[in-house]
Each structure stands twice: as structure tokens, then as C-alpha cells.
């Protein structure tokens, strides 16, 4: 192999490494931006559902309607963390769902007014990562109701 061929191969190798590095950096930044935008969108949706939750309203029906309209799971819980409505479960199944009070997004919402976390769901989306899960108090006058909206990803 002569000098020209070695220089060409070396230059192509350096270019390939630089392209791979740029792709990796851009990928990381795009993932962060997508997560931030998804978080903000789910929080807006949570606030929209919160505005619809009125005393006397069938809570599970609200969760089902909101979940259908938003295209992802909506869970409504009371102040003790008990699920009182869920877009993916019928009323009899709600009693078997775990208490949500200790979940990170719920704890953050109790402290700051809204919360979010990222985790792998245990049941509803077959172990796919969820991005993000957001909790929001339903209104400033009543802190006894919380909303948990989840947007699941397929990757």
C-alpha cells in the first residue's frame, strides 16, 4: 500500500469517527429535548383533565374519556393514593391496583404542585419504558385529588 492510499484510508477513518461522534452527541441532545417536551405536554394534559374533574362526576368515566381523547393512560387517585379511576382498568379491577402515594411523581406533586418521573411500567404497557409520567394536583381549592398521566414510548 502506497502513501496516498494510507493517507486516504486514514482520512476516511477520521471522518467516520467524527461523524459517529456528532451523531452520538445530537442523539443525546434530541432525547433530552424530546423528554422535556413530552413532560411539558403531559403536564398540560394533566391540568386539562384536572379542570374537568368536578364533585359528583363519575371518576372512572372521566379517566376513560380523558385516556381515549389523549391517547394514553390516565389514572385518577385520591389523597391517600388509592386509584379511583383509570383509563385502562374497569371499576372492579381498580381495587387490585397498587397504592400510588409513594410513587416519586406523586410525592413531588405533593411537595411542589406537579411531579414527574420515568420508569418501566409493571403492567399496563408490557414493560415498555414510560416517558414521562406526570402528576398534578387537580385544583388549588382541593388537595384531596391527584391525577397521574402516563405517556408510554415504544422504544
C-alpha atoms as a PDB file:
ATOM      1  CA  UNK A   1       0.000   0.000   0.000  1.00  0.00           C
ATOM      2  CA  UNK A   2       1.472   3.305  -1.025  1.00  0.00           C
ATOM      3  CA  UNK A   3       1.434   6.567   0.911  1.00  0.00           C
ATOM      4  CA  UNK A   4      -1.563   8.007  -0.963  1.00  0.00           C
ATOM      5  CA  UNK A   5      -3.739   5.011  -0.130  1.00  0.00           C
ATOM      6  CA  UNK A   6      -2.713   5.085   3.546  1.00  0.00           C
ATOM      7  CA  UNK A   7      -3.490   8.814   3.780  1.00  0.00           C
ATOM      8  CA  UNK A   8      -6.866   8.292   2.118  1.00  0.00           C
ATOM      9  CA  UNK A   9      -7.790   5.419   4.446  1.00  0.00           C
ATOM     10  CA  UNK A  10      -6.606   7.405   7.472  1.00  0.00           C
ATOM     11  CA  UNK A  11      -8.615  10.453   6.433  1.00  0.00           C
ATOM     12  CA  UNK A  12     -11.746   8.374   5.822  1.00  0.00           C
ATOM     13  CA  UNK A  13     -11.319   6.722   9.222  1.00  0.00           C
ATOM     14  CA  UNK A  14     -11.022  10.095  10.966  1.00  0.00           C
ATOM     15  CA  UNK A  15     -14.107  11.375   9.112  1.00  0.00           C
ATOM     16  CA  UNK A  16     -16.083   8.263  10.069  1.00  0.00           C
ATOM     17  CA  UNK A  17     -15.123   8.664  13.741  1.00  0.00           C
ATOM     18  CA  UNK A  18     -16.094  12.353  13.700  1.00  0.00           C
ATOM     19  CA  UNK A  19     -19.450  11.595  12.046  1.00  0.00           C
ATOM     20  CA  UNK A  20     -20.185   8.898  14.647  1.00  0.00           C
ATOM     21  CA  UNK A  21     -19.280  11.320  17.439  1.00  0.00           C
ATOM     22  CA  UNK A  22     -21.539  14.058  16.053  1.00  0.00           C
ATOM     23  CA  UNK A  23     -24.429  11.584  15.663  1.00  0.00           C
ATOM     24  CA  UNK A  24     -23.989  10.396  19.270  1.00  0.00           C
ATOM     25  CA  UNK A  25     -23.980  13.957  20.624  1.00  0.00           C
ATOM     26  CA  UNK A  26     -27.014  15.010  18.580  1.00  0.00           C
ATOM     27  CA  UNK A  27     -28.866  11.839  19.607  1.00  0.00           C
ATOM     28  CA  UNK A  28     -28.334  12.574  23.287  1.00  0.00           C
ATOM     29  CA  UNK A  29     -29.484  16.163  22.952  1.00  0.00           C
ATOM     30  CA  UNK A  30     -32.563  15.167  20.950  1.00  0.00           C
ATOM     31  CA  UNK A  31     -33.534  12.568  23.582  1.00  0.00           C
ATOM     32  CA  UNK A  32     -33.316  15.187  26.345  1.00  0.00           C
ATOM     33  CA  UNK A  33     -35.354  17.666  24.310  1.00  0.00           C
ATOM     34  CA  UNK A  34     -37.991  15.057  23.468  1.00  0.00           C
ATOM     35  CA  UNK A  35     -38.285  14.094  27.139  1.00  0.00           C
ATOM     36  CA  UNK A  36     -38.629  17.735  28.203  1.00  0.00           C
ATOM     37  CA  UNK A  37     -41.272  18.436  25.562  1.00  0.00           C
ATOM     38  CA  UNK A  38     -43.167  15.248  26.415  1.00  0.00           C
ATOM     39  CA  UNK A  39     -43.073  16.172  30.105  1.00  0.00           C
ATOM     40  CA  UNK A  40     -44.485  19.621  29.420  1.00  0.00           C
ATOM     41  CA  UNK A  41     -47.197  18.199  27.160  1.00  0.00           C
ATOM     42  CA  UNK A  42     -48.306  15.586  29.687  1.00  0.00           C
ATOM     43  CA  UNK A  43     -48.393  18.225  32.442  1.00  0.00           C
ATOM     44  CA  UNK A  44     -50.641  20.426  30.276  1.00  0.00           C
ATOM     45  CA  UNK A  45     -52.879  17.423  29.638  1.00  0.00           C
ATOM     46  CA  UNK A  46     -52.999  16.647  33.360  1.00  0.00           C
ATOM     47  CA  UNK A  47     -54.113  20.197  34.071  1.00  0.00           C
ATOM     48  CA  UNK A  48     -56.765  19.950  31.362  1.00  0.00           C
ATOM     49  CA  UNK A  49     -58.189  16.770  32.888  1.00  0.00           C
ATOM     50  CA  UNK A  50     -57.972  18.410  36.318  1.00  0.00           C
ATOM     51  CA  UNK A  51     -60.257  21.178  35.121  1.00  0.00           C
ATOM     52  CA  UNK A  52     -62.850  18.555  34.130  1.00  0.00           C
ATOM     53  CA  UNK A  53     -62.958  16.695  37.475  1.00  0.00           C
ATOM     54  CA  UNK A  54     -65.970  18.032  39.369  1.00  0.00           C
ATOM     55  CA  UNK A  55     -67.713  16.751  42.512  1.00  0.00           C
ATOM     56  CA  UNK A  56     -70.320  14.133  41.676  1.00  0.00           C
ATOM     57  CA  UNK A  57     -68.717  13.214  38.356  1.00  0.00           C
ATOM     58  CA  UNK A  58     -68.140   9.507  37.698  1.00  0.00           C
ATOM     59  CA  UNK A  59     -64.373   9.428  38.177  1.00  0.00           C
ATOM     60  CA  UNK A  60     -63.668   6.249  36.204  1.00  0.00           C
ATOM     61  CA  UNK A  61     -65.744   7.580  33.293  1.00  0.00           C
ATOM     62  CA  UNK A  62     -63.664  10.762  33.336  1.00  0.00           C
ATOM     63  CA  UNK A  63     -60.451   8.713  33.299  1.00  0.00           C
ATOM     64  CA  UNK A  64     -61.766   6.608  30.391  1.00  0.00           C
ATOM     65  CA  UNK A  65     -62.869   9.650  28.371  1.00  0.00           C
ATOM     66  CA  UNK A  66     -59.628  11.515  29.033  1.00  0.00           C
ATOM     67  CA  UNK A  67     -57.493   8.473  28.224  1.00  0.00           C
ATOM     68  CA  UNK A  68     -59.347   7.927  24.963  1.00  0.00           C
ATOM     69  CA  UNK A  69     -59.092  11.574  23.949  1.00  0.00           C
ATOM     70  CA  UNK A  70     -55.433  11.947  24.923  1.00  0.00           C
ATOM     71  CA  UNK A  71     -54.305   8.593  23.585  1.00  0.00           C
ATOM     72  CA  UNK A  72     -52.600   7.365  26.740  1.00  0.00           C
ATOM     73  CA  UNK A  73     -53.285   6.125  30.227  1.00  0.00           C
ATOM     74  CA  UNK A  74     -54.927   8.444  32.749  1.00  0.00           C
ATOM     75  CA  UNK A  75     -55.099   7.451  36.406  1.00  0.00           C
ATOM     76  CA  UNK A  76     -57.046   9.426  38.999  1.00  0.00           C
ATOM     77  CA  UNK A  77     -56.197   8.912  42.674  1.00  0.00           C
ATOM     78  CA  UNK A  78     -57.493  10.242  45.972  1.00  0.00           C
ATOM     79  CA  UNK A  79     -55.419  11.899  48.697  1.00  0.00           C
ATOM     80  CA  UNK A  80     -54.470   8.526  50.184  1.00  0.00           C
ATOM     81  CA  UNK A  81     -53.042   7.301  46.864  1.00  0.00           C
ATOM     82  CA  UNK A  82     -55.925   4.927  46.148  1.00  0.00           C
ATOM     83  CA  UNK A  83     -56.793   4.656  42.452  1.00  0.00           C
ATOM     84  CA  UNK A  84     -60.368   5.878  41.955  1.00  0.00           C
ATOM     85  CA  UNK A  85     -60.337   5.952  38.144  1.00  0.00           C
ATOM     86  CA  UNK A  86     -58.113   4.522  35.430  1.00  0.00           C
ATOM     87  CA  UNK A  87     -58.488   4.556  31.670  1.00  0.00           C
ATOM     88  CA  UNK A  88     -57.082   1.027  31.311  1.00  0.00           C
ATOM     89  CA  UNK A  89     -58.977  -0.761  34.085  1.00  0.00           C
ATOM     90  CA  UNK A  90     -62.652  -1.375  34.828  1.00  0.00           C
ATOM     91  CA  UNK A  91     -64.046  -0.289  38.224  1.00  0.00           C
ATOM     92  CA  UNK A  92     -63.862  -3.783  39.802  1.00  0.00           C
ATOM     93  CA  UNK A  93     -60.166  -4.032  38.889  1.00  0.00           C
ATOM     94  CA  UNK A  94     -59.315  -0.659  40.472  1.00  0.00           C
ATOM     95  CA  UNK A  95     -59.315  -2.220  43.957  1.00  0.00           C
ATOM     96  CA  UNK A  96     -56.439  -4.500  42.940  1.00  0.00           C
ATOM     97  CA  UNK A  97     -54.213  -1.667  41.704  1.00  0.00           C
ATOM     98  CA  UNK A  98     -51.328  -0.649  43.926  1.00  0.00           C
ATOM     99  CA  UNK A  99     -51.456   2.485  46.025  1.00  0.00           C
ATOM    100  CA  UNK A 100     -49.756   5.374  44.200  1.00  0.00           C
ATOM    101  CA  UNK A 101     -48.937   7.570  47.187  1.00  0.00           C
ATOM    102  CA  UNK A 102     -45.270   6.538  47.384  1.00  0.00           C
ATOM    103  CA  UNK A 103     -44.562   6.999  43.684  1.00  0.00           C
ATOM    104  CA  UNK A 104     -41.906   9.647  43.007  1.00  0.00           C
ATOM    105  CA  UNK A 105     -44.115  11.806  40.773  1.00  0.00           C
ATOM    106  CA  UNK A 106     -46.899  11.826  43.381  1.00  0.00           C
ATOM    107  CA  UNK A 107     -44.521  12.759  46.191  1.00  0.00           C
ATOM    108  CA  UNK A 108     -43.056  15.553  44.076  1.00  0.00           C
ATOM    109  CA  UNK A 109     -46.555  16.786  43.202  1.00  0.00           C
ATOM    110  CA  UNK A 110     -47.455  16.873  46.888  1.00  0.00           C
ATOM    111  CA  UNK A 111     -44.344  18.951  47.635  1.00  0.00           C
ATOM    112  CA  UNK A 112     -44.209  21.278  44.637  1.00  0.00           C
ATOM    113  CA  UNK A 113     -47.565  21.193  42.837  1.00  0.00           C
ATOM    114  CA  UNK A 114     -46.516  18.913  39.991  1.00  0.00           C
ATOM    115  CA  UNK A 115     -44.234  15.947  39.623  1.00  0.00           C
ATOM    116  CA  UNK A 116     -42.746  13.682  37.028  1.00  0.00           C
ATOM    117  CA  UNK A 117     -40.760  10.505  36.861  1.00  0.00           C
ATOM    118  CA  UNK A 118     -39.610   7.997  34.299  1.00  0.00           C
ATOM    119  CA  UNK A 119     -39.913   4.291  34.901  1.00  0.00           C
ATOM    120  CA  UNK A 120     -40.806   0.974  33.334  1.00  0.00           C
ATOM    121  CA  UNK A 121     -44.456   0.233  33.977  1.00  0.00           C
ATOM    122  CA  UNK A 122     -45.202  -3.073  35.605  1.00  0.00           C
ATOM    123  CA  UNK A 123     -48.453  -3.955  33.923  1.00  0.00           C
ATOM    124  CA  UNK A 124     -50.245  -1.684  31.522  1.00  0.00           C
ATOM    125  CA  UNK A 125     -47.682  -1.337  28.769  1.00  0.00           C
ATOM    126  CA  UNK A 126     -45.933  -4.703  28.902  1.00  0.00           C
ATOM    127  CA  UNK A 127     -42.692  -3.433  30.396  1.00  0.00           C
ATOM    128  CA  UNK A 128     -42.019  -0.730  27.830  1.00  0.00           C
ATOM    129  CA  UNK A 129     -40.349   2.388  29.229  1.00  0.00           C
ATOM    130  CA  UNK A 130     -42.739   5.199  30.033  1.00  0.00           C
ATOM    131  CA  UNK A 131     -41.738   8.710  29.176  1.00  0.00           C
ATOM    132  CA  UNK A 132     -42.767  10.657  31.161  1.00  0.00           C
ATOM    133  CA  UNK A 133     -45.223  10.069  33.974  1.00  0.00           C
ATOM    134  CA  UNK A 134     -46.627  13.272  35.413  1.00  0.00           C
ATOM    135  CA  UNK A 135     -48.714  14.003  38.482  1.00  0.00           C
ATOM    136  CA  UNK A 136     -50.597  17.179  39.161  1.00  0.00           C
ATOM    137  CA  UNK A 137     -52.970  18.372  41.866  1.00  0.00           C
ATOM    138  CA  UNK A 138     -56.405  18.728  40.375  1.00  0.00           C
ATOM    139  CA  UNK A 139     -57.218  22.163  41.707  1.00  0.00           C
ATOM    140  CA  UNK A 140     -55.897  24.638  44.220  1.00  0.00           C
ATOM    141  CA  UNK A 141     -59.076  24.559  46.298  1.00  0.00           C
ATOM    142  CA  UNK A 142     -58.960  20.826  46.919  1.00  0.00           C
ATOM    143  CA  UNK A 143     -55.764  18.913  47.510  1.00  0.00           C
ATOM    144  CA  UNK A 144     -57.600  15.633  48.064  1.00  0.00           C
ATOM    145  CA  UNK A 145     -57.477  14.507  44.417  1.00  0.00           C
ATOM    146  CA  UNK A 146     -54.500  13.843  42.157  1.00  0.00           C
ATOM    147  CA  UNK A 147     -54.060  12.948  38.535  1.00  0.00           C
ATOM    148  CA  UNK A 148     -51.414  10.677  37.103  1.00  0.00           C
ATOM    149  CA  UNK A 149     -50.970  10.806  33.310  1.00  0.00           C
ATOM    150  CA  UNK A 150     -48.573   8.497  31.551  1.00  0.00           C
ATOM    151  CA  UNK A 151     -47.302   8.624  28.024  1.00  0.00           C
ATOM    152  CA  UNK A 152     -45.664   5.360  27.035  1.00  0.00           C
ATOM    153  CA  UNK A 153     -42.974   5.056  24.409  1.00  0.00           C
ATOM    154  CA  UNK A 154     -42.394   2.105  22.153  1.00  0.00           C
ATOM    155  CA  UNK A 155     -38.612   2.222  22.191  1.00  0.00           C
END
